[in-house]
C-alpha atoms as a PDB file:
ATOM      1  CA  UNK A   1     -16.545  11.749  38.156  1.00  0.00           C
ATOM      2  CA  UNK A   2     -19.029  10.774  35.494  1.00  0.00           C
ATOM      3  CA  UNK A   3     -20.546   7.335  35.799  1.00  0.00           C
ATOM      4  CA  UNK A   4     -22.652   5.122  33.618  1.00  0.00           C
ATOM      5  CA  UNK A   5     -25.535   2.787  34.302  1.00  0.00           C
ATOM      6  CA  UNK A   6     -24.624  -0.885  34.116  1.00  0.00           C
ATOM      7  CA  UNK A   7     -26.930  -3.864  34.283  1.00  0.00           C
ATOM      8  CA  UNK A   8     -25.642  -6.996  35.973  1.00  0.00           C
ATOM      9  CA  UNK A   9     -28.265  -9.712  36.093  1.00  0.00           C
ATOM     10  CA  UNK A  10     -31.401  -8.199  37.603  1.00  0.00           C
ATOM     11  CA  UNK A  11     -29.559  -5.454  39.502  1.00  0.00           C
ATOM     12  CA  UNK A  12     -29.032  -1.996  38.128  1.00  0.00           C
ATOM     13  CA  UNK A  13     -26.485   0.381  39.601  1.00  0.00           C
ATOM     14  CA  UNK A  14     -24.234   3.291  38.760  1.00  0.00           C
ATOM     15  CA  UNK A  15     -20.668   2.296  37.911  1.00  0.00           C
ATOM     16  CA  UNK A  16     -18.048   5.069  38.082  1.00  0.00           C
ATOM     17  CA  UNK A  17     -15.880   5.682  35.051  1.00  0.00           C
ATOM     18  CA  UNK A  18     -12.590   4.631  36.634  1.00  0.00           C
ATOM     19  CA  UNK A  19     -10.266   5.499  33.799  1.00  0.00           C
ATOM     20  CA  UNK A  20     -10.488   7.396  30.565  1.00  0.00           C
ATOM     21  CA  UNK A  21     -11.277   5.091  27.652  1.00  0.00           C
ATOM     22  CA  UNK A  22     -12.637   2.248  29.795  1.00  0.00           C
ATOM     23  CA  UNK A  23     -15.372   1.656  27.240  1.00  0.00           C
ATOM     24  CA  UNK A  24     -12.721   0.957  24.582  1.00  0.00           C
ATOM     25  CA  UNK A  25     -11.434  -2.247  26.212  1.00  0.00           C
ATOM     26  CA  UNK A  26     -11.881  -5.419  24.207  1.00  0.00           C
ATOM     27  CA  UNK A  27     -14.204  -8.131  25.484  1.00  0.00           C
ATOM     28  CA  UNK A  28     -11.250 -10.517  25.712  1.00  0.00           C
ATOM     29  CA  UNK A  29      -9.373  -8.138  28.025  1.00  0.00           C
ATOM     30  CA  UNK A  30     -12.388  -7.722  30.272  1.00  0.00           C
ATOM     31  CA  UNK A  31     -12.947 -11.490  30.286  1.00  0.00           C
ATOM     32  CA  UNK A  32      -9.326 -12.133  31.317  1.00  0.00           C
ATOM     33  CA  UNK A  33      -9.351  -9.507  34.086  1.00  0.00           C
ATOM     34  CA  UNK A  34     -12.654 -10.698  35.538  1.00  0.00           C
ATOM     35  CA  UNK A  35     -11.418 -14.296  35.340  1.00  0.00           C
ATOM     36  CA  UNK A  36      -8.393 -13.271  37.401  1.00  0.00           C
ATOM     37  CA  UNK A  37     -10.680 -11.594  39.930  1.00  0.00           C
ATOM     38  CA  UNK A  38     -12.812 -14.733  40.143  1.00  0.00           C
ATOM     39  CA  UNK A  39      -9.723 -16.894  40.747  1.00  0.00           C
ATOM     40  CA  UNK A  40      -8.536 -14.512  43.481  1.00  0.00           C
ATOM     41  CA  UNK A  41     -11.928 -14.683  45.199  1.00  0.00           C
ATOM     42  CA  UNK A  42     -11.886 -18.499  45.078  1.00  0.00           C
ATOM     43  CA  UNK A  43      -8.378 -18.464  46.562  1.00  0.00           C
ATOM     44  CA  UNK A  44      -9.572 -16.241  49.413  1.00  0.00           C
ATOM     45  CA  UNK A  45     -12.395 -18.701  50.121  1.00  0.00           C
ATOM     46  CA  UNK A  46      -9.927 -21.610  50.180  1.00  0.00           C
ATOM     47  CA  UNK A  47      -7.615 -19.713  52.550  1.00  0.00           C
ATOM     48  CA  UNK A  48     -10.486 -18.763  54.867  1.00  0.00           C
ATOM     49  CA  UNK A  49     -10.484 -15.008  54.246  1.00  0.00           C
ATOM     50  CA  UNK A  50     -14.000 -15.137  52.780  1.00  0.00           C
ATOM     51  CA  UNK A  51     -16.891 -17.418  53.644  1.00  0.00           C
ATOM     52  CA  UNK A  52     -18.155 -17.576  50.040  1.00  0.00           C
ATOM     53  CA  UNK A  53     -17.051 -16.175  46.724  1.00  0.00           C
ATOM     54  CA  UNK A  54     -19.541 -13.844  45.058  1.00  0.00           C
ATOM     55  CA  UNK A  55     -20.436 -14.720  41.479  1.00  0.00           C
ATOM     56  CA  UNK A  56     -18.446 -12.893  38.820  1.00  0.00           C
ATOM     57  CA  UNK A  57     -20.120 -12.280  35.477  1.00  0.00           C
ATOM     58  CA  UNK A  58     -17.832 -13.004  32.513  1.00  0.00           C
ATOM     59  CA  UNK A  59     -18.561 -11.657  29.030  1.00  0.00           C
ATOM     60  CA  UNK A  60     -18.204 -13.955  26.065  1.00  0.00           C
ATOM     61  CA  UNK A  61     -14.714 -14.412  24.732  1.00  0.00           C
ATOM     62  CA  UNK A  62     -13.922 -12.578  21.541  1.00  0.00           C
ATOM     63  CA  UNK A  63     -12.802 -14.380  18.405  1.00  0.00           C
ATOM     64  CA  UNK A  64      -9.236 -15.684  18.403  1.00  0.00           C
ATOM     65  CA  UNK A  65      -6.729 -13.580  16.547  1.00  0.00           C
ATOM     66  CA  UNK A  66      -5.061 -15.458  13.732  1.00  0.00           C
ATOM     67  CA  UNK A  67      -2.520 -13.340  11.940  1.00  0.00           C
ATOM     68  CA  UNK A  68       0.979 -14.165  10.811  1.00  0.00           C
ATOM     69  CA  UNK A  69       3.644 -11.989   9.298  1.00  0.00           C
ATOM     70  CA  UNK A  70       3.903 -12.151   5.546  1.00  0.00           C
ATOM     71  CA  UNK A  71       7.263 -12.832   3.951  1.00  0.00           C
ATOM     72  CA  UNK A  72       7.606  -9.149   3.016  1.00  0.00           C
ATOM     73  CA  UNK A  73       6.756  -7.994   6.555  1.00  0.00           C
ATOM     74  CA  UNK A  74       9.320 -10.391   8.030  1.00  0.00           C
ATOM     75  CA  UNK A  75      11.947  -9.144   5.590  1.00  0.00           C
ATOM     76  CA  UNK A  76      11.139  -5.525   6.476  1.00  0.00           C
ATOM     77  CA  UNK A  77      11.416  -6.323  10.176  1.00  0.00           C
ATOM     78  CA  UNK A  78      14.798  -7.983   9.718  1.00  0.00           C
ATOM     79  CA  UNK A  79      16.030  -5.123   7.523  1.00  0.00           C
ATOM     80  CA  UNK A  80      14.977  -2.562  10.150  1.00  0.00           C
ATOM     81  CA  UNK A  81      16.729  -4.585  12.869  1.00  0.00           C
ATOM     82  CA  UNK A  82      19.950  -4.539  10.852  1.00  0.00           C
ATOM     83  CA  UNK A  83      19.726  -0.766  10.354  1.00  0.00           C
ATOM     84  CA  UNK A  84      19.494   0.023  14.067  1.00  0.00           C
ATOM     85  CA  UNK A  85      23.020   1.208  15.034  1.00  0.00           C
ATOM     86  CA  UNK A  86      22.758   0.584  18.789  1.00  0.00           C
ATOM     87  CA  UNK A  87      21.456  -2.981  18.459  1.00  0.00           C
ATOM     88  CA  UNK A  88      23.222  -4.069  15.297  1.00  0.00           C
ATOM     89  CA  UNK A  89      24.852  -7.129  16.903  1.00  0.00           C
ATOM     90  CA  UNK A  90      22.063  -8.872  18.755  1.00  0.00           C
ATOM     91  CA  UNK A  91      18.738  -7.598  17.415  1.00  0.00           C
ATOM     92  CA  UNK A  92      18.856  -9.295  13.978  1.00  0.00           C
ATOM     93  CA  UNK A  93      19.734 -12.607  15.678  1.00  0.00           C
ATOM     94  CA  UNK A  94      16.868 -12.128  18.119  1.00  0.00           C
ATOM     95  CA  UNK A  95      14.436 -11.436  15.257  1.00  0.00           C
ATOM     96  CA  UNK A  96      15.634 -14.452  13.248  1.00  0.00           C
ATOM     97  CA  UNK A  97      15.306 -16.827  16.207  1.00  0.00           C
ATOM     98  CA  UNK A  98      11.825 -15.477  16.889  1.00  0.00           C
ATOM     99  CA  UNK A  99      10.751 -15.826  13.258  1.00  0.00           C
ATOM    100  CA  UNK A 100      12.101 -19.343  12.797  1.00  0.00           C
ATOM    101  CA  UNK A 101      11.037 -20.815  16.140  1.00  0.00           C
ATOM    102  CA  UNK A 102       8.008 -18.733  17.121  1.00  0.00           C
ATOM    103  CA  UNK A 103       9.384 -18.657  20.676  1.00  0.00           C
ATOM    104  CA  UNK A 104       8.446 -15.998  23.169  1.00  0.00           C
ATOM    105  CA  UNK A 105      10.823 -13.231  24.228  1.00  0.00           C
ATOM    106  CA  UNK A 106      11.710 -14.821  27.578  1.00  0.00           C
ATOM    107  CA  UNK A 107      12.541 -18.163  25.942  1.00  0.00           C
ATOM    108  CA  UNK A 108      14.827 -16.515  23.388  1.00  0.00           C
ATOM    109  CA  UNK A 109      16.619 -14.418  25.999  1.00  0.00           C
ATOM    110  CA  UNK A 110      17.196 -17.416  28.258  1.00  0.00           C
ATOM    111  CA  UNK A 111      18.896 -19.444  25.498  1.00  0.00           C
ATOM    112  CA  UNK A 112      22.458 -20.518  26.283  1.00  0.00           C
END
């Protein structure tokens, strides 16, 4: 397994390449995953499994993504949903509710 040299603070060590394409992960993804690890370590300290949580280095957050569908893209999405033969009944309604409300998938599915 090929590794790479990583520098964390003043320590330098070899970090194995765990998965193919690991270098292609966005800084926001790495920040979120390391934040989850940090929270898990703090939980273990609170529960008594660890005596102290080691520090976890977090990279800077990336810029927020601000992109909305244009009117033409929304129309194309709705048209494609209507053309799908297996989902002709519910998919266009799902797309319309999502476009008009901006709700997440789980919220739309749980509507009664």
